Amino acid sequence: MYTLPKLDYEYNALEPWIDEQTMRIHHTKHHQVYIDKLNAELEKNPDLKNKSLDDLCASEIPAVKNNAGGHWNHTFFWGILGSKESKSIKEKIDESFENFGNFQKLFKEAALGRFGSGWVWLTLGSAGKMEITSTANQDVPEGTVLLGLDVWEHAYYLRYQNRRAEYVDAFWNIVNWEKVWYIAQNGGIK
């Protein structure tokens, strides 16, 4: 059975960019619901209990796939937050996107272009070049995941209301680039 992961920081640690109340609700309510529903689905489908979370994210059962994806995506997201710099990862991003500013621009376009709920991702493609992708709802991206941003309204609505662009701009202040570099150096996640 899955449980809510503990954060490596306090709920107010990302202020002023993400407020404490949003973090607390997002983590303890929204993420917890995905875990609770996934566990309930595993009770109804005991043959799935020994499957990995990655396998559950690819399940043919929509409720299993969605809730496993919600758990996977949020767990990954919490892990890359924390505002730490890394010159090395930014140099790697420059190689793939010409420069960091261009990367931010393309990432923001993907975030604003995601109609409705979903995620924006920085992944490592098969040729070793970084790519920006977007997924709907709680779908987990293909490939090696390096960075992700939750663009569901629950992730930002209390502070930014309908101003997703401001939320995306604020995101750059709370990324733990050191962790993203570690992930990149160790073959990514997934």
N, C-alpha and C. Protein backbone atom coordinates (compact mmCIF):
# COMPACT_ATOMS: atom_id res chain seq x y z
N MET A 1 0.84 -1.17 0.00
CA MET A 1 0.00 0.00 0.00
C MET A 1 0.90 1.25 0.00
N TYR A 2 0.44 2.25 -0.69
CA TYR A 2 1.22 3.47 -0.84
C TYR A 2 0.87 4.46 0.27
N THR A 3 1.85 5.27 0.64
CA THR A 3 1.66 6.29 1.66
C THR A 3 2.18 7.63 1.14
N LEU A 4 1.72 8.70 1.76
CA LEU A 4 2.13 10.04 1.37
C LEU A 4 3.58 10.26 1.76
N PRO A 5 4.43 10.63 0.80
CA PRO A 5 5.83 10.87 1.14
C PRO A 5 6.00 12.14 1.97
N LYS A 6 6.94 12.10 2.87
CA LYS A 6 7.26 13.29 3.67
C LYS A 6 8.07 14.24 2.80
N LEU A 7 7.80 15.53 2.94
CA LEU A 7 8.56 16.53 2.21
C LEU A 7 9.91 16.76 2.89
N ASP A 8 10.89 17.18 2.10
CA ASP A 8 12.22 17.47 2.63
C ASP A 8 12.32 18.90 3.14
N TYR A 9 11.21 19.60 3.20
CA TYR A 9 11.18 21.01 3.60
C TYR A 9 9.82 21.28 4.24
N GLU A 10 9.72 22.40 4.92
CA GLU A 10 8.47 22.80 5.56
C GLU A 10 7.51 23.35 4.51
N TYR A 11 6.23 23.36 4.83
CA TYR A 11 5.22 23.86 3.90
C TYR A 11 5.42 25.33 3.54
N ASN A 12 6.04 26.10 4.41
CA ASN A 12 6.25 27.52 4.13
C ASN A 12 7.61 27.80 3.49
N ALA A 13 8.39 26.79 3.22
CA ALA A 13 9.76 26.97 2.72
C ALA A 13 9.83 27.58 1.31
N LEU A 14 8.76 27.50 0.55
CA LEU A 14 8.79 27.98 -0.83
C LEU A 14 8.15 29.37 -0.97
N GLU A 15 7.80 29.97 0.15
CA GLU A 15 7.22 31.31 0.11
C GLU A 15 8.28 32.31 -0.31
N PRO A 16 7.94 33.36 -1.01
CA PRO A 16 6.60 33.82 -1.34
C PRO A 16 6.05 33.23 -2.64
N TRP A 17 6.81 32.39 -3.30
CA TRP A 17 6.42 31.92 -4.63
C TRP A 17 5.28 30.92 -4.59
N ILE A 18 5.31 30.01 -3.63
CA ILE A 18 4.17 29.13 -3.36
C ILE A 18 3.89 29.25 -1.87
N ASP A 19 2.67 29.63 -1.55
CA ASP A 19 2.33 29.90 -0.16
C ASP A 19 2.13 28.61 0.63
N GLU A 20 2.25 28.75 1.93
CA GLU A 20 2.14 27.60 2.84
C GLU A 20 0.80 26.89 2.71
N GLN A 21 -0.28 27.63 2.62
CA GLN A 21 -1.61 27.01 2.55
C GLN A 21 -1.75 26.17 1.29
N THR A 22 -1.28 26.68 0.15
CA THR A 22 -1.35 25.92 -1.09
C THR A 22 -0.52 24.64 -0.98
N MET A 23 0.68 24.76 -0.43
CA MET A 23 1.53 23.58 -0.29
C MET A 23 0.87 22.54 0.62
N ARG A 24 0.33 22.99 1.72
CA ARG A 24 -0.28 22.06 2.67
C ARG A 24 -1.48 21.35 2.04
N ILE A 25 -2.35 22.10 1.38
CA ILE A 25 -3.52 21.50 0.74
C ILE A 25 -3.11 20.60 -0.42
N HIS A 26 -2.19 21.08 -1.23
CA HIS A 26 -1.74 20.31 -2.39
C HIS A 26 -1.14 18.97 -1.95
N HIS A 27 -0.32 19.00 -0.93
CA HIS A 27 0.34 17.78 -0.46
C HIS A 27 -0.60 16.88 0.33
N THR A 28 -1.24 17.43 1.36
CA THR A 28 -2.01 16.57 2.27
C THR A 28 -3.40 16.22 1.78
N LYS A 29 -3.94 17.00 0.86
CA LYS A 29 -5.29 16.72 0.35
C LYS A 29 -5.24 16.15 -1.07
N HIS A 30 -4.72 16.94 -2.02
CA HIS A 30 -4.74 16.50 -3.42
C HIS A 30 -3.89 15.24 -3.64
N HIS A 31 -2.64 15.27 -3.19
CA HIS A 31 -1.78 14.09 -3.37
C HIS A 31 -2.33 12.91 -2.60
N GLN A 32 -2.79 13.15 -1.38
CA GLN A 32 -3.33 12.06 -0.56
C GLN A 32 -4.51 11.37 -1.22
N VAL A 33 -5.35 12.12 -1.93
CA VAL A 33 -6.51 11.52 -2.61
C VAL A 33 -6.04 10.52 -3.66
N TYR A 34 -5.00 10.86 -4.42
CA TYR A 34 -4.49 9.92 -5.43
C TYR A 34 -4.01 8.63 -4.76
N ILE A 35 -3.34 8.77 -3.63
CA ILE A 35 -2.84 7.60 -2.91
C ILE A 35 -4.01 6.76 -2.39
N ASP A 36 -4.98 7.42 -1.77
CA ASP A 36 -6.13 6.69 -1.23
C ASP A 36 -6.88 5.94 -2.33
N LYS A 37 -7.10 6.61 -3.45
CA LYS A 37 -7.83 5.97 -4.56
C LYS A 37 -7.00 4.86 -5.20
N LEU A 38 -5.69 5.05 -5.30
CA LEU A 38 -4.84 3.98 -5.83
C LEU A 38 -4.89 2.77 -4.91
N ASN A 39 -4.76 2.98 -3.62
CA ASN A 39 -4.82 1.87 -2.67
C ASN A 39 -6.16 1.15 -2.74
N ALA A 40 -7.24 1.90 -2.91
CA ALA A 40 -8.57 1.28 -3.04
C ALA A 40 -8.65 0.43 -4.31
N GLU A 41 -8.08 0.92 -5.40
CA GLU A 41 -8.06 0.16 -6.65
C GLU A 41 -7.22 -1.11 -6.50
N LEU A 42 -6.13 -1.03 -5.76
CA LEU A 42 -5.29 -2.22 -5.54
C LEU A 42 -6.03 -3.25 -4.70
N GLU A 43 -6.87 -2.80 -3.77
CA GLU A 43 -7.69 -3.72 -2.98
C GLU A 43 -8.68 -4.45 -3.88
N LYS A 44 -9.24 -3.75 -4.86
CA LYS A 44 -10.21 -4.35 -5.79
C LYS A 44 -9.52 -5.23 -6.84
N ASN A 45 -8.24 -5.00 -7.05
CA ASN A 45 -7.47 -5.73 -8.08
C ASN A 45 -6.20 -6.30 -7.45
N PRO A 46 -6.33 -7.31 -6.60
CA PRO A 46 -5.17 -7.81 -5.86
C PRO A 46 -4.03 -8.32 -6.75
N ASP A 47 -4.34 -8.69 -7.99
CA ASP A 47 -3.29 -9.14 -8.90
C ASP A 47 -2.32 -8.01 -9.25
N LEU A 48 -2.68 -6.77 -8.96
CA LEU A 48 -1.82 -5.61 -9.26
C LEU A 48 -0.92 -5.22 -8.09
N LYS A 49 -1.15 -5.80 -6.92
CA LYS A 49 -0.43 -5.37 -5.72
C LYS A 49 1.09 -5.53 -5.82
N ASN A 50 1.56 -6.47 -6.58
CA ASN A 50 3.00 -6.69 -6.70
C ASN A 50 3.63 -5.94 -7.86
N LYS A 51 2.83 -5.16 -8.57
CA LYS A 51 3.35 -4.38 -9.70
C LYS A 51 4.07 -3.14 -9.18
N SER A 52 5.06 -2.69 -9.94
CA SER A 52 5.76 -1.45 -9.59
C SER A 52 4.85 -0.26 -9.88
N LEU A 53 5.18 0.88 -9.29
CA LEU A 53 4.41 2.09 -9.56
C LEU A 53 4.49 2.45 -11.03
N ASP A 54 5.64 2.27 -11.66
CA ASP A 54 5.78 2.52 -13.10
C ASP A 54 4.81 1.64 -13.90
N ASP A 55 4.71 0.37 -13.53
CA ASP A 55 3.77 -0.53 -14.21
C ASP A 55 2.32 -0.09 -14.00
N LEU A 56 2.01 0.37 -12.78
CA LEU A 56 0.65 0.82 -12.49
C LEU A 56 0.31 2.08 -13.29
N CYS A 57 1.31 2.93 -13.55
CA CYS A 57 1.09 4.14 -14.35
C CYS A 57 0.73 3.81 -15.79
N ALA A 58 1.04 2.60 -16.22
CA ALA A 58 0.73 2.17 -17.59
C ALA A 58 -0.43 1.17 -17.62
N SER A 59 -1.15 1.07 -16.51
CA SER A 59 -2.24 0.10 -16.40
C SER A 59 -3.33 0.34 -17.45
N GLU A 60 -3.98 -0.75 -17.83
CA GLU A 60 -5.14 -0.68 -18.73
C GLU A 60 -6.40 -0.24 -17.99
N ILE A 61 -6.34 -0.25 -16.67
CA ILE A 61 -7.49 0.16 -15.85
C ILE A 61 -7.36 1.67 -15.62
N PRO A 62 -8.25 2.47 -16.19
CA PRO A 62 -8.12 3.93 -16.12
C PRO A 62 -7.95 4.47 -14.70
N ALA A 63 -8.71 3.98 -13.74
CA ALA A 63 -8.61 4.50 -12.37
C ALA A 63 -7.25 4.18 -11.75
N VAL A 64 -6.69 3.04 -12.08
CA VAL A 64 -5.35 2.68 -11.58
C VAL A 64 -4.31 3.58 -12.24
N LYS A 65 -4.39 3.71 -13.56
CA LYS A 65 -3.43 4.53 -14.29
C LYS A 65 -3.45 5.97 -13.80
N ASN A 66 -4.63 6.56 -13.67
CA ASN A 66 -4.75 7.97 -13.26
C ASN A 66 -4.22 8.18 -11.85
N ASN A 67 -4.62 7.34 -10.92
CA ASN A 67 -4.21 7.54 -9.54
C ASN A 67 -2.75 7.18 -9.30
N ALA A 68 -2.24 6.18 -9.99
CA ALA A 68 -0.81 5.88 -9.92
C ALA A 68 -0.01 7.05 -10.50
N GLY A 69 -0.49 7.59 -11.62
CA GLY A 69 0.17 8.74 -12.23
C GLY A 69 0.14 9.95 -11.31
N GLY A 70 -0.99 10.18 -10.65
CA GLY A 70 -1.07 11.29 -9.71
C GLY A 70 -0.07 11.15 -8.58
N HIS A 71 0.09 9.95 -8.08
CA HIS A 71 1.06 9.70 -7.01
C HIS A 71 2.48 9.86 -7.53
N TRP A 72 2.79 9.27 -8.69
CA TRP A 72 4.14 9.36 -9.27
C TRP A 72 4.50 10.81 -9.57
N ASN A 73 3.61 11.52 -10.27
CA ASN A 73 3.90 12.90 -10.67
C ASN A 73 4.13 13.81 -9.47
N HIS A 74 3.27 13.71 -8.47
CA HIS A 74 3.42 14.58 -7.31
C HIS A 74 4.66 14.23 -6.50
N THR A 75 4.95 12.96 -6.33
CA THR A 75 6.16 12.56 -5.60
C THR A 75 7.40 13.12 -6.29
N PHE A 76 7.42 13.03 -7.62
CA PHE A 76 8.55 13.59 -8.37
C PHE A 76 8.62 15.11 -8.17
N PHE A 77 7.48 15.78 -8.30
CA PHE A 77 7.41 17.23 -8.19
C PHE A 77 7.95 17.71 -6.84
N TRP A 78 7.52 17.10 -5.73
CA TRP A 78 8.01 17.52 -4.42
C TRP A 78 9.52 17.40 -4.34
N GLY A 79 10.07 16.39 -4.99
CA GLY A 79 11.50 16.13 -4.90
C GLY A 79 12.39 17.10 -5.63
N ILE A 80 11.84 17.84 -6.59
CA ILE A 80 12.70 18.77 -7.34
C ILE A 80 12.49 20.22 -6.90
N LEU A 81 11.78 20.41 -5.80
CA LEU A 81 11.59 21.76 -5.27
C LEU A 81 12.58 22.02 -4.14
N GLY A 82 12.95 23.28 -3.95
CA GLY A 82 13.82 23.60 -2.83
C GLY A 82 14.84 24.69 -3.08
N SER A 83 14.88 25.30 -4.25
CA SER A 83 15.70 26.48 -4.54
C SER A 83 17.19 26.30 -4.28
N LYS A 84 17.83 25.47 -5.09
CA LYS A 84 19.28 25.32 -5.04
C LYS A 84 19.82 25.44 -6.46
N GLU A 85 20.93 26.13 -6.59
CA GLU A 85 21.53 26.36 -7.91
C GLU A 85 22.42 25.21 -8.34
N SER A 86 22.61 25.09 -9.65
CA SER A 86 23.58 24.16 -10.23
C SER A 86 24.00 24.71 -11.58
N LYS A 87 25.24 25.12 -11.65
CA LYS A 87 25.77 25.65 -12.91
C LYS A 87 25.82 24.55 -13.97
N SER A 88 26.11 23.35 -13.55
CA SER A 88 26.27 22.23 -14.48
C SER A 88 25.00 21.92 -15.26
N ILE A 89 23.85 21.86 -14.58
CA ILE A 89 22.61 21.54 -15.28
C ILE A 89 22.22 22.67 -16.21
N LYS A 90 22.49 23.89 -15.82
CA LYS A 90 22.16 25.03 -16.68
C LYS A 90 23.02 25.01 -17.94
N GLU A 91 24.24 24.57 -17.83
CA GLU A 91 25.10 24.44 -19.02
C GLU A 91 24.55 23.36 -19.95
N LYS A 92 24.07 22.26 -19.38
CA LYS A 92 23.47 21.18 -20.17
C LYS A 92 22.18 21.67 -20.86
N ILE A 93 21.41 22.46 -20.16
CA ILE A 93 20.20 23.04 -20.76
C ILE A 93 20.59 23.97 -21.91
N ASP A 94 21.64 24.77 -21.72
CA ASP A 94 22.12 25.65 -22.79
C ASP A 94 22.45 24.86 -24.05
N GLU A 95 23.06 23.69 -23.88
CA GLU A 95 23.42 22.84 -25.03
C GLU A 95 22.18 22.39 -25.80
N SER A 96 21.10 22.14 -25.11
CA SER A 96 19.88 21.64 -25.75
C SER A 96 18.95 22.74 -26.26
N PHE A 97 19.00 23.93 -25.65
CA PHE A 97 18.02 24.97 -25.97
C PHE A 97 18.65 26.30 -26.35
N GLU A 98 19.91 26.32 -26.70
CA GLU A 98 20.67 27.52 -27.06
C GLU A 98 21.09 28.32 -25.85
N ASN A 99 20.14 28.60 -24.95
CA ASN A 99 20.47 29.30 -23.70
C ASN A 99 19.33 29.07 -22.70
N PHE A 100 19.61 29.40 -21.46
CA PHE A 100 18.64 29.14 -20.40
C PHE A 100 17.36 29.95 -20.59
N GLY A 101 17.50 31.19 -21.03
CA GLY A 101 16.33 32.03 -21.27
C GLY A 101 15.41 31.44 -22.33
N ASN A 102 15.98 30.88 -23.37
CA ASN A 102 15.17 30.25 -24.41
C ASN A 102 14.46 29.01 -23.86
N PHE A 103 15.16 28.24 -23.04
CA PHE A 103 14.55 27.09 -22.38
C PHE A 103 13.34 27.53 -21.55
N GLN A 104 13.51 28.58 -20.74
CA GLN A 104 12.41 29.07 -19.91
C GLN A 104 11.23 29.51 -20.78
N LYS A 105 11.51 30.17 -21.87
CA LYS A 105 10.47 30.64 -22.78
C LYS A 105 9.69 29.46 -23.36
N LEU A 106 10.39 28.43 -23.83
CA LEU A 106 9.74 27.27 -24.42
C LEU A 106 8.96 26.47 -23.38
N PHE A 107 9.52 26.37 -22.19
CA PHE A 107 8.85 25.66 -21.10
C PHE A 107 7.55 26.38 -20.73
N LYS A 108 7.62 27.71 -20.65
CA LYS A 108 6.44 28.50 -20.32
C LYS A 108 5.38 28.37 -21.41
N GLU A 109 5.80 28.39 -22.67
CA GLU A 109 4.84 28.21 -23.77
C GLU A 109 4.13 26.87 -23.66
N ALA A 110 4.88 25.83 -23.30
CA ALA A 110 4.27 24.51 -23.13
C ALA A 110 3.29 24.52 -21.96
N ALA A 111 3.66 25.20 -20.86
CA ALA A 111 2.79 25.28 -19.69
C ALA A 111 1.50 26.04 -20.00
N LEU A 112 1.63 27.13 -20.72
CA LEU A 112 0.45 27.93 -21.05
C LEU A 112 -0.37 27.28 -22.15
N GLY A 113 0.27 26.46 -22.97
CA GLY A 113 -0.41 25.77 -24.05
C GLY A 113 -1.14 24.51 -23.62
N ARG A 114 -0.88 24.05 -22.39
CA ARG A 114 -1.58 22.86 -21.87
C ARG A 114 -3.00 23.27 -21.55
N PHE A 115 -3.92 22.83 -22.37
CA PHE A 115 -5.33 23.16 -22.14
C PHE A 115 -5.84 22.36 -20.96
N GLY A 116 -6.43 23.03 -20.00
CA GLY A 116 -6.96 22.35 -18.84
C GLY A 116 -5.86 21.89 -17.90
N SER A 117 -6.03 20.73 -17.35
CA SER A 117 -5.13 20.23 -16.31
C SER A 117 -4.04 19.36 -16.90
N GLY A 118 -2.88 19.41 -16.26
CA GLY A 118 -1.78 18.57 -16.71
C GLY A 118 -0.44 19.00 -16.15
N TRP A 119 0.59 18.60 -16.86
CA TRP A 119 1.97 18.80 -16.41
C TRP A 119 2.84 19.21 -17.60
N VAL A 120 3.94 19.90 -17.29
CA VAL A 120 4.97 20.21 -18.27
C VAL A 120 6.25 19.58 -17.76
N TRP A 121 7.03 18.99 -18.68
CA TRP A 121 8.19 18.19 -18.30
C TRP A 121 9.43 18.58 -19.09
N LEU A 122 10.57 18.44 -18.45
CA LEU A 122 11.86 18.44 -19.12
C LEU A 122 12.33 16.99 -19.07
N THR A 123 12.51 16.40 -20.23
CA THR A 123 12.94 15.00 -20.29
C THR A 123 14.24 14.90 -21.06
N LEU A 124 14.87 13.78 -20.93
CA LEU A 124 16.09 13.49 -21.67
C LEU A 124 15.72 12.50 -22.77
N GLY A 125 15.87 12.95 -24.01
CA GLY A 125 15.52 12.11 -25.15
C GLY A 125 16.54 11.01 -25.37
N SER A 126 16.22 10.10 -26.28
CA SER A 126 17.08 8.94 -26.54
C SER A 126 18.45 9.35 -27.07
N ALA A 127 18.55 10.49 -27.74
CA ALA A 127 19.83 10.96 -28.27
C ALA A 127 20.61 11.76 -27.23
N GLY A 128 20.10 11.83 -26.01
CA GLY A 128 20.78 12.54 -24.94
C GLY A 128 20.49 14.03 -24.92
N LYS A 129 19.60 14.49 -25.80
CA LYS A 129 19.23 15.90 -25.83
C LYS A 129 17.98 16.11 -24.99
N MET A 130 17.95 17.20 -24.28
CA MET A 130 16.79 17.52 -23.44
C MET A 130 15.63 17.97 -24.32
N GLU A 131 14.40 17.61 -23.87
CA GLU A 131 13.19 17.96 -24.60
C GLU A 131 12.13 18.43 -23.62
N ILE A 132 11.27 19.31 -24.08
CA ILE A 132 10.13 19.78 -23.28
C ILE A 132 8.89 19.07 -23.80
N THR A 133 8.15 18.46 -22.88
CA THR A 133 6.91 17.78 -23.25
C THR A 133 5.81 18.20 -22.27
N SER A 134 4.60 17.84 -22.61
CA SER A 134 3.46 18.13 -21.76
C SER A 134 2.54 16.92 -21.76
N THR A 135 1.93 16.67 -20.62
CA THR A 135 0.97 15.58 -20.52
C THR A 135 -0.32 16.09 -19.91
N ALA A 136 -1.41 15.47 -20.30
CA ALA A 136 -2.72 15.83 -19.77
C ALA A 136 -2.97 15.10 -18.45
N ASN A 137 -3.78 15.72 -17.63
CA ASN A 137 -4.26 15.12 -16.39
C ASN A 137 -3.11 14.57 -15.56
N GLN A 138 -3.14 13.27 -15.23
CA GLN A 138 -2.06 12.67 -14.43
C GLN A 138 -1.24 11.68 -15.25
N ASP A 139 -1.24 11.83 -16.57
CA ASP A 139 -0.41 10.97 -17.39
C ASP A 139 1.06 11.21 -17.07
N VAL A 140 1.81 10.14 -17.04
CA VAL A 140 3.24 10.19 -16.77
C VAL A 140 3.96 10.29 -18.12
N PRO A 141 4.97 11.14 -18.23
CA PRO A 141 5.63 11.32 -19.53
C PRO A 141 6.46 10.11 -19.93
N GLU A 142 6.70 10.02 -21.23
CA GLU A 142 7.60 8.99 -21.76
C GLU A 142 9.02 9.46 -21.54
N GLY A 143 9.94 8.53 -21.49
CA GLY A 143 11.36 8.89 -21.43
C GLY A 143 11.86 9.14 -20.03
N THR A 144 13.02 9.74 -19.98
CA THR A 144 13.71 10.01 -18.74
C THR A 144 13.33 11.40 -18.24
N VAL A 145 12.71 11.47 -17.10
CA VAL A 145 12.19 12.73 -16.56
C VAL A 145 13.24 13.43 -15.70
N LEU A 146 13.45 14.72 -15.99
CA LEU A 146 14.40 15.52 -15.22
C LEU A 146 13.75 16.59 -14.36
N LEU A 147 12.64 17.16 -14.87
CA LEU A 147 11.99 18.28 -14.21
C LEU A 147 10.52 18.26 -14.59
N GLY A 148 9.65 18.62 -13.67
CA GLY A 148 8.23 18.68 -13.97
C GLY A 148 7.55 19.81 -13.23
N LEU A 149 6.52 20.36 -13.86
CA LEU A 149 5.72 21.42 -13.24
C LEU A 149 4.25 21.05 -13.32
N ASP A 150 3.60 21.03 -12.19
CA ASP A 150 2.17 20.77 -12.08
C ASP A 150 1.43 22.03 -12.52
N VAL A 151 0.64 21.95 -13.59
CA VAL A 151 -0.13 23.11 -14.04
C VAL A 151 -1.63 22.91 -13.82
N TRP A 152 -1.99 21.98 -12.96
CA TRP A 152 -3.37 21.89 -12.50
C TRP A 152 -3.63 23.14 -11.66
N GLU A 153 -4.85 23.66 -11.71
CA GLU A 153 -5.15 24.87 -10.95
C GLU A 153 -4.95 24.72 -9.45
N HIS A 154 -5.14 23.52 -8.92
CA HIS A 154 -4.96 23.35 -7.47
C HIS A 154 -3.54 23.65 -7.02
N ALA A 155 -2.59 23.61 -7.94
CA ALA A 155 -1.19 23.85 -7.60
C ALA A 155 -0.89 25.33 -7.40
N TYR A 156 -1.75 26.20 -7.88
CA TYR A 156 -1.43 27.64 -7.83
C TYR A 156 -2.61 28.56 -7.57
N TYR A 157 -3.83 28.06 -7.54
CA TYR A 157 -5.00 28.93 -7.59
C TYR A 157 -5.15 29.85 -6.38
N LEU A 158 -4.77 29.43 -5.20
CA LEU A 158 -4.95 30.28 -4.02
C LEU A 158 -4.15 31.57 -4.13
N ARG A 159 -2.95 31.48 -4.68
CA ARG A 159 -2.09 32.67 -4.79
C ARG A 159 -2.25 33.38 -6.14
N TYR A 160 -2.31 32.63 -7.21
CA TYR A 160 -2.26 33.22 -8.55
C TYR A 160 -3.60 33.24 -9.28
N GLN A 161 -4.64 32.67 -8.68
CA GLN A 161 -5.96 32.55 -9.30
C GLN A 161 -5.83 32.02 -10.73
N ASN A 162 -6.23 32.79 -11.72
CA ASN A 162 -6.19 32.33 -13.12
C ASN A 162 -4.92 32.76 -13.84
N ARG A 163 -3.91 33.22 -13.11
CA ARG A 163 -2.69 33.76 -13.70
C ARG A 163 -1.59 32.69 -13.76
N ARG A 164 -1.82 31.68 -14.59
CA ARG A 164 -0.87 30.58 -14.71
C ARG A 164 0.51 31.08 -15.12
N ALA A 165 0.57 32.09 -15.97
CA ALA A 165 1.86 32.62 -16.44
C ALA A 165 2.71 33.10 -15.27
N GLU A 166 2.11 33.78 -14.30
CA GLU A 166 2.84 34.25 -13.12
C GLU A 166 3.35 33.07 -12.30
N TYR A 167 2.55 32.05 -12.17
CA TYR A 167 2.94 30.83 -11.45
C TYR A 167 4.15 30.19 -12.13
N VAL A 168 4.12 30.08 -13.44
CA VAL A 168 5.25 29.49 -14.17
C VAL A 168 6.51 30.33 -13.96
N ASP A 169 6.39 31.64 -14.02
CA ASP A 169 7.54 32.52 -13.78
C ASP A 169 8.09 32.33 -12.37
N ALA A 170 7.21 32.19 -11.39
CA ALA A 170 7.63 32.01 -10.00
C ALA A 170 8.34 30.67 -9.79
N PHE A 171 7.97 29.68 -10.58
CA PHE A 171 8.54 28.33 -10.46
C PHE A 171 10.06 28.34 -10.49
N TRP A 172 10.64 29.20 -11.31
CA TRP A 172 12.10 29.20 -11.45
C TRP A 172 12.81 29.57 -10.16
N ASN A 173 12.11 30.19 -9.23
CA ASN A 173 12.69 30.57 -7.94
C ASN A 173 12.73 29.42 -6.94
N ILE A 174 12.05 28.33 -7.24
CA ILE A 174 11.95 27.25 -6.24
C ILE A 174 12.44 25.90 -6.76
N VAL A 175 13.10 25.89 -7.89
CA VAL A 175 13.62 24.63 -8.43
C VAL A 175 14.93 24.28 -7.73
N ASN A 176 15.04 23.05 -7.32
CA ASN A 176 16.28 22.54 -6.77
C ASN A 176 17.12 22.00 -7.94
N TRP A 177 17.87 22.89 -8.59
CA TRP A 177 18.66 22.53 -9.78
C TRP A 177 19.73 21.50 -9.45
N GLU A 178 20.20 21.54 -8.22
CA GLU A 178 21.18 20.54 -7.78
C GLU A 178 20.57 19.13 -7.89
N LYS A 179 19.32 18.99 -7.47
CA LYS A 179 18.62 17.70 -7.55
C LYS A 179 18.37 17.32 -9.01
N VAL A 180 17.98 18.30 -9.86
CA VAL A 180 17.75 18.02 -11.28
C VAL A 180 19.06 17.54 -11.92
N TRP A 181 20.18 18.16 -11.57
CA TRP A 181 21.48 17.73 -12.10
C TRP A 181 21.81 16.32 -11.63
N TYR A 182 21.54 16.02 -10.37
CA TYR A 182 21.76 14.67 -9.85
C TYR A 182 20.95 13.65 -10.64
N ILE A 183 19.68 13.97 -10.87
CA ILE A 183 18.81 13.08 -11.64
C ILE A 183 19.38 12.87 -13.03
N ALA A 184 19.82 13.95 -13.68
CA ALA A 184 20.39 13.87 -15.03
C ALA A 184 21.65 13.00 -15.06
N GLN A 185 22.47 13.16 -14.06
CA GLN A 185 23.73 12.40 -13.98
C GLN A 185 23.50 10.91 -13.70
N ASN A 186 22.37 10.59 -13.12
CA ASN A 186 22.11 9.21 -12.73
C ASN A 186 21.04 8.54 -13.60
N GLY A 187 20.90 9.02 -14.81
CA GLY A 187 20.01 8.36 -15.76
C GLY A 187 18.56 8.74 -15.64
N GLY A 188 18.26 9.77 -14.86
CA GLY A 188 16.89 10.25 -14.77
C GLY A 188 16.02 9.35 -13.92
N ILE A 189 14.76 9.67 -13.96
CA ILE A 189 13.74 8.91 -13.25
C ILE A 189 12.91 8.23 -14.32
N LYS A 190 12.62 6.96 -14.13
CA LYS A 190 11.75 6.17 -15.00
C LYS A 190 12.44 5.45 -16.09
